[in-house]
Amino acid sequence: MKDVNEPKLPRHTSFGWLIAVLGADMTESLNLRLKEIGLHIGLWPTLFALWEEEGLTQAQLSKQCGTANYTTTRVLDTLESKGLAERRPHPTNRRVHLIYLTKKGRQLEKQAAAIAGSCNEEFLSALSAQERKQIMALVFKITAARIPALNEH
């Protein structure tokens, strides 16, 4: 049992709390901006992965995005209904489909990347160029240790 007289640590000294607050703020900011072009934050990881590499299976896409298969299924259903992605039959496995962007999905990349870039710029604006490199490297190191698929790129 915790001693009620034990000093409490302020939230701002908790890495987890700081990352959670920053992540929630960035998510909300990016989501508002993505809505301007008919997207939402739930589609972002999958679109981002497909802009990097098309022709993935749903399982590969789930792994790259760090999402459950059923989540990826729902996202792909939405992307298909918006005309942004399509499932194509695998040439040798009838049970598997390969995921490709449509022309419309590919055309959104430049605009969506610009939106994400401006969001990142806003959040990193308090840091110098060297600090930006440093925080990106450190956060990537932590994330890659938790999500090994990131090391494949």
N, C-alpha and C. Protein backbone atom coordinates (compact mmCIF):
# COMPACT_ATOMS: atom_id res chain seq x y z
N MET A 1 0.84 -1.18 0.00
CA MET A 1 0.00 0.00 0.00
C MET A 1 0.89 1.24 0.00
N LYS A 2 0.50 2.26 -0.74
CA LYS A 2 1.27 3.48 -0.86
C LYS A 2 1.09 4.36 0.37
N ASP A 3 2.19 4.89 0.84
CA ASP A 3 2.17 5.80 1.98
C ASP A 3 1.58 7.13 1.53
N VAL A 4 0.52 7.59 2.18
CA VAL A 4 -0.13 8.85 1.79
C VAL A 4 0.77 10.05 2.01
N ASN A 5 1.78 9.90 2.83
CA ASN A 5 2.72 11.00 3.08
C ASN A 5 3.88 11.01 2.08
N GLU A 6 3.95 9.97 1.24
CA GLU A 6 5.01 9.89 0.24
C GLU A 6 4.80 11.01 -0.78
N PRO A 7 5.87 11.73 -1.12
CA PRO A 7 5.70 12.82 -2.09
C PRO A 7 5.26 12.29 -3.45
N LYS A 8 4.34 13.00 -4.08
CA LYS A 8 3.84 12.63 -5.40
C LYS A 8 4.70 13.29 -6.46
N LEU A 9 4.98 12.54 -7.50
CA LEU A 9 5.74 13.11 -8.61
C LEU A 9 4.80 13.94 -9.48
N PRO A 10 5.23 15.11 -9.89
CA PRO A 10 4.38 15.89 -10.80
C PRO A 10 4.29 15.21 -12.16
N ARG A 11 3.16 15.36 -12.79
CA ARG A 11 2.93 14.72 -14.09
C ARG A 11 4.00 15.08 -15.11
N HIS A 12 4.48 16.30 -15.07
CA HIS A 12 5.44 16.72 -16.10
C HIS A 12 6.78 15.99 -16.00
N THR A 13 6.95 15.16 -14.98
CA THR A 13 8.18 14.36 -14.88
C THR A 13 7.96 12.94 -15.40
N SER A 14 6.76 12.63 -15.87
CA SER A 14 6.44 11.30 -16.38
C SER A 14 6.53 11.28 -17.90
N PHE A 15 7.46 10.48 -18.42
CA PHE A 15 7.62 10.36 -19.87
C PHE A 15 6.31 9.91 -20.52
N GLY A 16 5.67 8.90 -19.93
CA GLY A 16 4.42 8.38 -20.48
C GLY A 16 3.33 9.43 -20.55
N TRP A 17 3.20 10.20 -19.48
CA TRP A 17 2.17 11.24 -19.46
C TRP A 17 2.46 12.29 -20.52
N LEU A 18 3.72 12.73 -20.62
CA LEU A 18 4.07 13.75 -21.60
C LEU A 18 3.82 13.27 -23.03
N ILE A 19 4.23 12.02 -23.32
CA ILE A 19 4.02 11.48 -24.66
C ILE A 19 2.52 11.33 -24.96
N ALA A 20 1.75 10.88 -23.98
CA ALA A 20 0.30 10.71 -24.16
C ALA A 20 -0.37 12.05 -24.45
N VAL A 21 -0.01 13.07 -23.70
CA VAL A 21 -0.60 14.40 -23.90
C VAL A 21 -0.20 14.95 -25.27
N LEU A 22 1.07 14.85 -25.59
CA LEU A 22 1.55 15.35 -26.88
C LEU A 22 0.90 14.58 -28.03
N GLY A 23 0.84 13.25 -27.89
CA GLY A 23 0.23 12.42 -28.93
C GLY A 23 -1.23 12.75 -29.16
N ALA A 24 -1.96 12.93 -28.08
CA ALA A 24 -3.38 13.27 -28.20
C ALA A 24 -3.56 14.64 -28.86
N ASP A 25 -2.72 15.58 -28.50
CA ASP A 25 -2.79 16.92 -29.08
C ASP A 25 -2.45 16.88 -30.58
N MET A 26 -1.41 16.14 -30.93
CA MET A 26 -1.03 16.04 -32.34
C MET A 26 -2.10 15.30 -33.14
N THR A 27 -2.65 14.26 -32.56
CA THR A 27 -3.70 13.49 -33.24
C THR A 27 -4.90 14.38 -33.53
N GLU A 28 -5.32 15.14 -32.54
CA GLU A 28 -6.47 16.03 -32.72
C GLU A 28 -6.19 17.09 -33.79
N SER A 29 -5.00 17.66 -33.74
CA SER A 29 -4.63 18.70 -34.70
C SER A 29 -4.58 18.14 -36.12
N LEU A 30 -3.93 17.00 -36.29
CA LEU A 30 -3.84 16.40 -37.62
C LEU A 30 -5.22 15.97 -38.11
N ASN A 31 -6.02 15.40 -37.23
CA ASN A 31 -7.35 14.95 -37.62
C ASN A 31 -8.20 16.11 -38.15
N LEU A 32 -8.15 17.25 -37.48
CA LEU A 32 -8.91 18.42 -37.95
C LEU A 32 -8.47 18.85 -39.34
N ARG A 33 -7.18 18.80 -39.58
CA ARG A 33 -6.65 19.21 -40.88
C ARG A 33 -6.98 18.19 -41.97
N LEU A 34 -6.91 16.90 -41.62
CA LEU A 34 -7.23 15.86 -42.60
C LEU A 34 -8.70 15.91 -43.01
N LYS A 35 -9.57 16.29 -42.10
CA LYS A 35 -11.00 16.39 -42.43
C LYS A 35 -11.25 17.38 -43.56
N GLU A 36 -10.36 18.37 -43.70
CA GLU A 36 -10.51 19.35 -44.77
C GLU A 36 -10.39 18.72 -46.15
N ILE A 37 -9.74 17.55 -46.23
CA ILE A 37 -9.60 16.87 -47.52
C ILE A 37 -10.36 15.54 -47.55
N GLY A 38 -11.31 15.39 -46.63
CA GLY A 38 -12.17 14.22 -46.63
C GLY A 38 -11.59 12.97 -45.97
N LEU A 39 -10.54 13.12 -45.20
CA LEU A 39 -9.92 11.99 -44.51
C LEU A 39 -10.12 12.13 -43.01
N HIS A 40 -9.69 11.11 -42.26
CA HIS A 40 -9.66 11.21 -40.80
C HIS A 40 -8.47 10.42 -40.30
N ILE A 41 -8.11 10.65 -39.06
CA ILE A 41 -6.89 10.11 -38.48
C ILE A 41 -6.87 8.58 -38.50
N GLY A 42 -8.00 7.93 -38.44
CA GLY A 42 -8.04 6.47 -38.46
C GLY A 42 -7.54 5.87 -39.76
N LEU A 43 -7.59 6.63 -40.84
CA LEU A 43 -7.12 6.16 -42.14
C LEU A 43 -5.63 6.43 -42.35
N TRP A 44 -5.08 7.32 -41.56
CA TRP A 44 -3.73 7.83 -41.78
C TRP A 44 -2.65 6.75 -41.80
N PRO A 45 -2.55 5.87 -40.80
CA PRO A 45 -1.46 4.88 -40.83
C PRO A 45 -1.49 3.99 -42.07
N THR A 46 -2.68 3.59 -42.50
CA THR A 46 -2.79 2.71 -43.65
C THR A 46 -2.44 3.46 -44.94
N LEU A 47 -2.96 4.65 -45.09
CA LEU A 47 -2.60 5.44 -46.28
C LEU A 47 -1.10 5.70 -46.32
N PHE A 48 -0.54 6.07 -45.19
CA PHE A 48 0.89 6.35 -45.11
C PHE A 48 1.69 5.12 -45.55
N ALA A 49 1.32 3.95 -45.06
CA ALA A 49 2.01 2.71 -45.42
C ALA A 49 1.87 2.41 -46.91
N LEU A 50 0.67 2.64 -47.46
CA LEU A 50 0.46 2.37 -48.88
C LEU A 50 1.18 3.38 -49.77
N TRP A 51 1.35 4.60 -49.31
CA TRP A 51 2.14 5.57 -50.08
C TRP A 51 3.60 5.14 -50.11
N GLU A 52 4.03 4.45 -49.07
CA GLU A 52 5.41 3.94 -49.05
C GLU A 52 5.56 2.70 -49.93
N GLU A 53 4.55 1.81 -49.91
CA GLU A 53 4.64 0.56 -50.64
C GLU A 53 3.25 -0.01 -50.90
N GLU A 54 2.93 -0.21 -52.17
CA GLU A 54 1.66 -0.82 -52.53
C GLU A 54 1.85 -2.31 -52.79
N GLY A 55 0.74 -3.02 -52.96
CA GLY A 55 0.80 -4.44 -53.27
C GLY A 55 1.05 -5.32 -52.06
N LEU A 56 0.78 -4.79 -50.88
CA LEU A 56 0.93 -5.56 -49.65
C LEU A 56 -0.32 -6.39 -49.40
N THR A 57 -0.16 -7.48 -48.69
CA THR A 57 -1.32 -8.22 -48.23
C THR A 57 -1.90 -7.48 -47.04
N GLN A 58 -3.11 -7.84 -46.68
CA GLN A 58 -3.72 -7.22 -45.51
C GLN A 58 -2.91 -7.52 -44.25
N ALA A 59 -2.39 -8.72 -44.13
CA ALA A 59 -1.58 -9.09 -42.96
C ALA A 59 -0.31 -8.26 -42.91
N GLN A 60 0.34 -8.05 -44.04
CA GLN A 60 1.56 -7.22 -44.08
C GLN A 60 1.23 -5.78 -43.71
N LEU A 61 0.11 -5.30 -44.22
CA LEU A 61 -0.31 -3.94 -43.92
C LEU A 61 -0.62 -3.77 -42.44
N SER A 62 -1.31 -4.73 -41.86
CA SER A 62 -1.60 -4.70 -40.42
C SER A 62 -0.31 -4.65 -39.61
N LYS A 63 0.66 -5.46 -40.00
CA LYS A 63 1.94 -5.49 -39.29
C LYS A 63 2.66 -4.15 -39.40
N GLN A 64 2.70 -3.59 -40.60
CA GLN A 64 3.38 -2.31 -40.79
C GLN A 64 2.71 -1.17 -40.04
N CYS A 65 1.39 -1.23 -39.92
CA CYS A 65 0.66 -0.17 -39.24
C CYS A 65 0.55 -0.41 -37.74
N GLY A 66 0.88 -1.62 -37.31
CA GLY A 66 0.75 -1.96 -35.89
C GLY A 66 -0.71 -2.03 -35.46
N THR A 67 -1.57 -2.49 -36.37
CA THR A 67 -3.00 -2.58 -36.07
C THR A 67 -3.48 -4.02 -36.17
N ALA A 68 -4.59 -4.30 -35.53
CA ALA A 68 -5.20 -5.63 -35.60
C ALA A 68 -5.78 -5.84 -36.99
N ASN A 69 -5.86 -7.10 -37.42
CA ASN A 69 -6.41 -7.43 -38.73
C ASN A 69 -7.81 -6.88 -38.93
N TYR A 70 -8.67 -7.01 -37.91
CA TYR A 70 -10.05 -6.53 -38.06
C TYR A 70 -10.09 -5.00 -38.22
N THR A 71 -9.16 -4.30 -37.59
CA THR A 71 -9.08 -2.85 -37.76
C THR A 71 -8.68 -2.51 -39.19
N THR A 72 -7.69 -3.22 -39.69
CA THR A 72 -7.24 -3.00 -41.07
C THR A 72 -8.36 -3.30 -42.05
N THR A 73 -9.15 -4.33 -41.79
CA THR A 73 -10.29 -4.65 -42.65
C THR A 73 -11.25 -3.48 -42.72
N ARG A 74 -11.59 -2.91 -41.57
CA ARG A 74 -12.52 -1.76 -41.55
C ARG A 74 -11.94 -0.55 -42.27
N VAL A 75 -10.65 -0.30 -42.05
CA VAL A 75 -10.01 0.83 -42.72
C VAL A 75 -10.01 0.62 -44.23
N LEU A 76 -9.69 -0.59 -44.67
CA LEU A 76 -9.69 -0.87 -46.11
C LEU A 76 -11.09 -0.75 -46.70
N ASP A 77 -12.10 -1.19 -45.96
CA ASP A 77 -13.48 -1.01 -46.43
C ASP A 77 -13.78 0.47 -46.64
N THR A 78 -13.35 1.31 -45.71
CA THR A 78 -13.57 2.75 -45.82
C THR A 78 -12.79 3.34 -46.99
N LEU A 79 -11.53 2.94 -47.12
CA LEU A 79 -10.72 3.45 -48.24
C LEU A 79 -11.31 3.05 -49.58
N GLU A 80 -11.83 1.83 -49.65
CA GLU A 80 -12.48 1.39 -50.90
C GLU A 80 -13.75 2.19 -51.16
N SER A 81 -14.55 2.42 -50.14
CA SER A 81 -15.80 3.17 -50.33
C SER A 81 -15.54 4.61 -50.75
N LYS A 82 -14.38 5.15 -50.36
CA LYS A 82 -14.00 6.51 -50.75
C LYS A 82 -13.28 6.53 -52.11
N GLY A 83 -13.06 5.34 -52.67
CA GLY A 83 -12.38 5.26 -53.96
C GLY A 83 -10.89 5.52 -53.87
N LEU A 84 -10.28 5.26 -52.72
CA LEU A 84 -8.86 5.55 -52.52
C LEU A 84 -7.96 4.31 -52.60
N ALA A 85 -8.52 3.13 -52.38
CA ALA A 85 -7.74 1.89 -52.42
C ALA A 85 -8.60 0.77 -52.97
N GLU A 86 -7.93 -0.29 -53.39
CA GLU A 86 -8.65 -1.45 -53.89
C GLU A 86 -7.90 -2.73 -53.53
N ARG A 87 -8.68 -3.78 -53.35
CA ARG A 87 -8.13 -5.11 -53.10
C ARG A 87 -8.08 -5.84 -54.44
N ARG A 88 -6.93 -6.42 -54.73
CA ARG A 88 -6.78 -7.20 -55.96
C ARG A 88 -6.42 -8.63 -55.59
N PRO A 89 -6.90 -9.59 -56.38
CA PRO A 89 -6.57 -10.98 -56.08
C PRO A 89 -5.06 -11.23 -56.12
N HIS A 90 -4.59 -12.05 -55.21
CA HIS A 90 -3.19 -12.48 -55.19
C HIS A 90 -3.00 -13.45 -56.36
N PRO A 91 -1.89 -13.38 -57.06
CA PRO A 91 -1.72 -14.24 -58.24
C PRO A 91 -1.62 -15.74 -57.93
N THR A 92 -1.20 -16.10 -56.72
CA THR A 92 -1.01 -17.53 -56.42
C THR A 92 -1.78 -18.03 -55.20
N ASN A 93 -2.44 -17.14 -54.49
CA ASN A 93 -3.16 -17.54 -53.27
C ASN A 93 -4.57 -16.95 -53.32
N ARG A 94 -5.56 -17.81 -53.56
CA ARG A 94 -6.94 -17.33 -53.71
C ARG A 94 -7.51 -16.71 -52.44
N ARG A 95 -6.95 -17.02 -51.28
CA ARG A 95 -7.48 -16.50 -50.01
C ARG A 95 -6.93 -15.12 -49.66
N VAL A 96 -5.97 -14.65 -50.42
CA VAL A 96 -5.28 -13.39 -50.08
C VAL A 96 -5.52 -12.36 -51.18
N HIS A 97 -5.64 -11.12 -50.74
CA HIS A 97 -5.72 -10.00 -51.68
C HIS A 97 -4.54 -9.07 -51.45
N LEU A 98 -4.15 -8.39 -52.51
CA LEU A 98 -3.10 -7.38 -52.43
C LEU A 98 -3.78 -6.02 -52.44
N ILE A 99 -3.23 -5.11 -51.67
CA ILE A 99 -3.86 -3.80 -51.52
C ILE A 99 -3.09 -2.76 -52.34
N TYR A 100 -3.83 -2.03 -53.16
CA TYR A 100 -3.26 -0.98 -54.00
C TYR A 100 -4.07 0.29 -53.84
N LEU A 101 -3.40 1.40 -54.00
CA LEU A 101 -4.09 2.69 -54.05
C LEU A 101 -4.69 2.87 -55.43
N THR A 102 -5.77 3.59 -55.48
CA THR A 102 -6.32 4.00 -56.77
C THR A 102 -5.58 5.28 -57.19
N LYS A 103 -5.87 5.73 -58.38
CA LYS A 103 -5.28 6.99 -58.85
C LYS A 103 -5.64 8.12 -57.87
N LYS A 104 -6.89 8.14 -57.45
CA LYS A 104 -7.36 9.16 -56.49
C LYS A 104 -6.57 9.06 -55.18
N GLY A 105 -6.32 7.84 -54.70
CA GLY A 105 -5.56 7.64 -53.47
C GLY A 105 -4.12 8.11 -53.59
N ARG A 106 -3.51 7.86 -54.75
CA ARG A 106 -2.13 8.32 -54.98
C ARG A 106 -2.07 9.84 -55.07
N GLN A 107 -3.08 10.43 -55.68
CA GLN A 107 -3.10 11.88 -55.86
C GLN A 107 -3.23 12.63 -54.53
N LEU A 108 -3.81 11.98 -53.53
CA LEU A 108 -3.98 12.62 -52.22
C LEU A 108 -2.67 12.73 -51.43
N GLU A 109 -1.67 11.94 -51.82
CA GLU A 109 -0.44 11.88 -51.03
C GLU A 109 0.22 13.25 -50.86
N LYS A 110 0.38 13.98 -51.93
CA LYS A 110 1.08 15.27 -51.85
C LYS A 110 0.35 16.23 -50.92
N GLN A 111 -0.95 16.32 -51.05
CA GLN A 111 -1.74 17.23 -50.22
C GLN A 111 -1.74 16.77 -48.76
N ALA A 112 -1.93 15.48 -48.53
CA ALA A 112 -1.96 14.96 -47.16
C ALA A 112 -0.58 15.08 -46.50
N ALA A 113 0.47 14.82 -47.27
CA ALA A 113 1.83 14.95 -46.72
C ALA A 113 2.13 16.40 -46.34
N ALA A 114 1.64 17.33 -47.15
CA ALA A 114 1.84 18.75 -46.83
C ALA A 114 1.11 19.12 -45.53
N ILE A 115 -0.08 18.58 -45.36
CA ILE A 115 -0.85 18.83 -44.13
C ILE A 115 -0.11 18.26 -42.93
N ALA A 116 0.36 17.02 -43.05
CA ALA A 116 1.09 16.40 -41.95
C ALA A 116 2.39 17.15 -41.67
N GLY A 117 3.05 17.59 -42.72
CA GLY A 117 4.29 18.35 -42.56
C GLY A 117 4.06 19.66 -41.81
N SER A 118 2.97 20.34 -42.12
CA SER A 118 2.69 21.60 -41.43
C SER A 118 2.33 21.34 -39.96
N CYS A 119 1.66 20.23 -39.71
CA CYS A 119 1.33 19.86 -38.33
C CYS A 119 2.63 19.55 -37.57
N ASN A 120 3.51 18.75 -38.17
CA ASN A 120 4.80 18.46 -37.53
C ASN A 120 5.59 19.74 -37.28
N GLU A 121 5.61 20.60 -38.26
CA GLU A 121 6.35 21.86 -38.13
C GLU A 121 5.83 22.68 -36.96
N GLU A 122 4.51 22.75 -36.84
CA GLU A 122 3.91 23.49 -35.73
C GLU A 122 4.37 22.92 -34.38
N PHE A 123 4.33 21.61 -34.26
CA PHE A 123 4.67 20.99 -32.98
C PHE A 123 6.17 21.02 -32.69
N LEU A 124 6.99 21.03 -33.71
CA LEU A 124 8.44 21.05 -33.50
C LEU A 124 9.03 22.45 -33.51
N SER A 125 8.21 23.45 -33.70
CA SER A 125 8.70 24.82 -33.87
C SER A 125 9.48 25.36 -32.68
N ALA A 126 9.27 24.81 -31.50
CA ALA A 126 10.00 25.28 -30.31
C ALA A 126 11.42 24.73 -30.26
N LEU A 127 11.77 23.82 -31.17
CA LEU A 127 13.08 23.18 -31.13
C LEU A 127 13.99 23.69 -32.23
N SER A 128 15.29 23.68 -31.94
CA SER A 128 16.28 24.01 -32.96
C SER A 128 16.39 22.84 -33.94
N ALA A 129 17.09 23.06 -35.04
CA ALA A 129 17.28 21.99 -36.03
C ALA A 129 17.98 20.79 -35.39
N GLN A 130 18.98 21.03 -34.57
CA GLN A 130 19.69 19.94 -33.90
C GLN A 130 18.78 19.21 -32.91
N GLU A 131 17.98 19.96 -32.18
CA GLU A 131 17.05 19.33 -31.23
C GLU A 131 16.01 18.48 -31.96
N ARG A 132 15.58 18.94 -33.13
CA ARG A 132 14.62 18.18 -33.93
C ARG A 132 15.21 16.83 -34.35
N LYS A 133 16.45 16.87 -34.84
CA LYS A 133 17.12 15.63 -35.23
C LYS A 133 17.24 14.70 -34.03
N GLN A 134 17.59 15.26 -32.91
CA GLN A 134 17.81 14.47 -31.70
C GLN A 134 16.51 13.82 -31.22
N ILE A 135 15.43 14.60 -31.15
CA ILE A 135 14.18 14.03 -30.65
C ILE A 135 13.64 12.98 -31.62
N MET A 136 13.78 13.22 -32.91
CA MET A 136 13.32 12.23 -33.90
C MET A 136 14.10 10.93 -33.74
N ALA A 137 15.41 11.04 -33.59
CA ALA A 137 16.24 9.84 -33.45
C ALA A 137 15.89 9.07 -32.17
N LEU A 138 15.70 9.78 -31.09
CA LEU A 138 15.41 9.12 -29.81
C LEU A 138 14.02 8.48 -29.81
N VAL A 139 13.03 9.20 -30.31
CA VAL A 139 11.68 8.64 -30.34
C VAL A 139 11.63 7.46 -31.31
N PHE A 140 12.33 7.55 -32.44
CA PHE A 140 12.38 6.42 -33.36
C PHE A 140 13.03 5.21 -32.69
N LYS A 141 14.10 5.44 -31.97
CA LYS A 141 14.80 4.34 -31.29
C LYS A 141 13.86 3.62 -30.32
N ILE A 142 13.11 4.40 -29.54
CA ILE A 142 12.16 3.80 -28.59
C ILE A 142 11.07 3.06 -29.34
N THR A 143 10.50 3.68 -30.37
CA THR A 143 9.40 3.09 -31.12
C THR A 143 9.85 1.83 -31.85
N ALA A 144 11.01 1.87 -32.48
CA ALA A 144 11.52 0.70 -33.21
C ALA A 144 11.80 -0.47 -32.28
N ALA A 145 12.19 -0.18 -31.05
CA ALA A 145 12.41 -1.26 -30.08
C ALA A 145 11.09 -1.92 -29.71
N ARG A 146 9.99 -1.18 -29.78
CA ARG A 146 8.68 -1.71 -29.43
C ARG A 146 7.95 -2.30 -30.64
N ILE A 147 8.23 -1.77 -31.83
CA ILE A 147 7.58 -2.21 -33.06
C ILE A 147 8.66 -2.60 -34.06
N PRO A 148 9.13 -3.83 -34.02
CA PRO A 148 10.25 -4.25 -34.86
C PRO A 148 10.05 -4.04 -36.35
N ALA A 149 8.82 -4.03 -36.83
CA ALA A 149 8.57 -3.83 -38.26
C ALA A 149 9.13 -2.50 -38.76
N LEU A 150 9.28 -1.53 -37.88
CA LEU A 150 9.85 -0.24 -38.28
C LEU A 150 11.30 -0.37 -38.72
N ASN A 151 11.99 -1.36 -38.21
CA ASN A 151 13.40 -1.56 -38.57
C ASN A 151 13.56 -2.11 -39.97
N GLU A 152 12.46 -2.55 -40.58
CA GLU A 152 12.52 -3.13 -41.92
C GLU A 152 12.58 -2.06 -43.00
N HIS A 153 12.43 -0.82 -42.63
CA HIS A 153 12.42 0.27 -43.64
C HIS A 153 13.59 1.18 -43.46
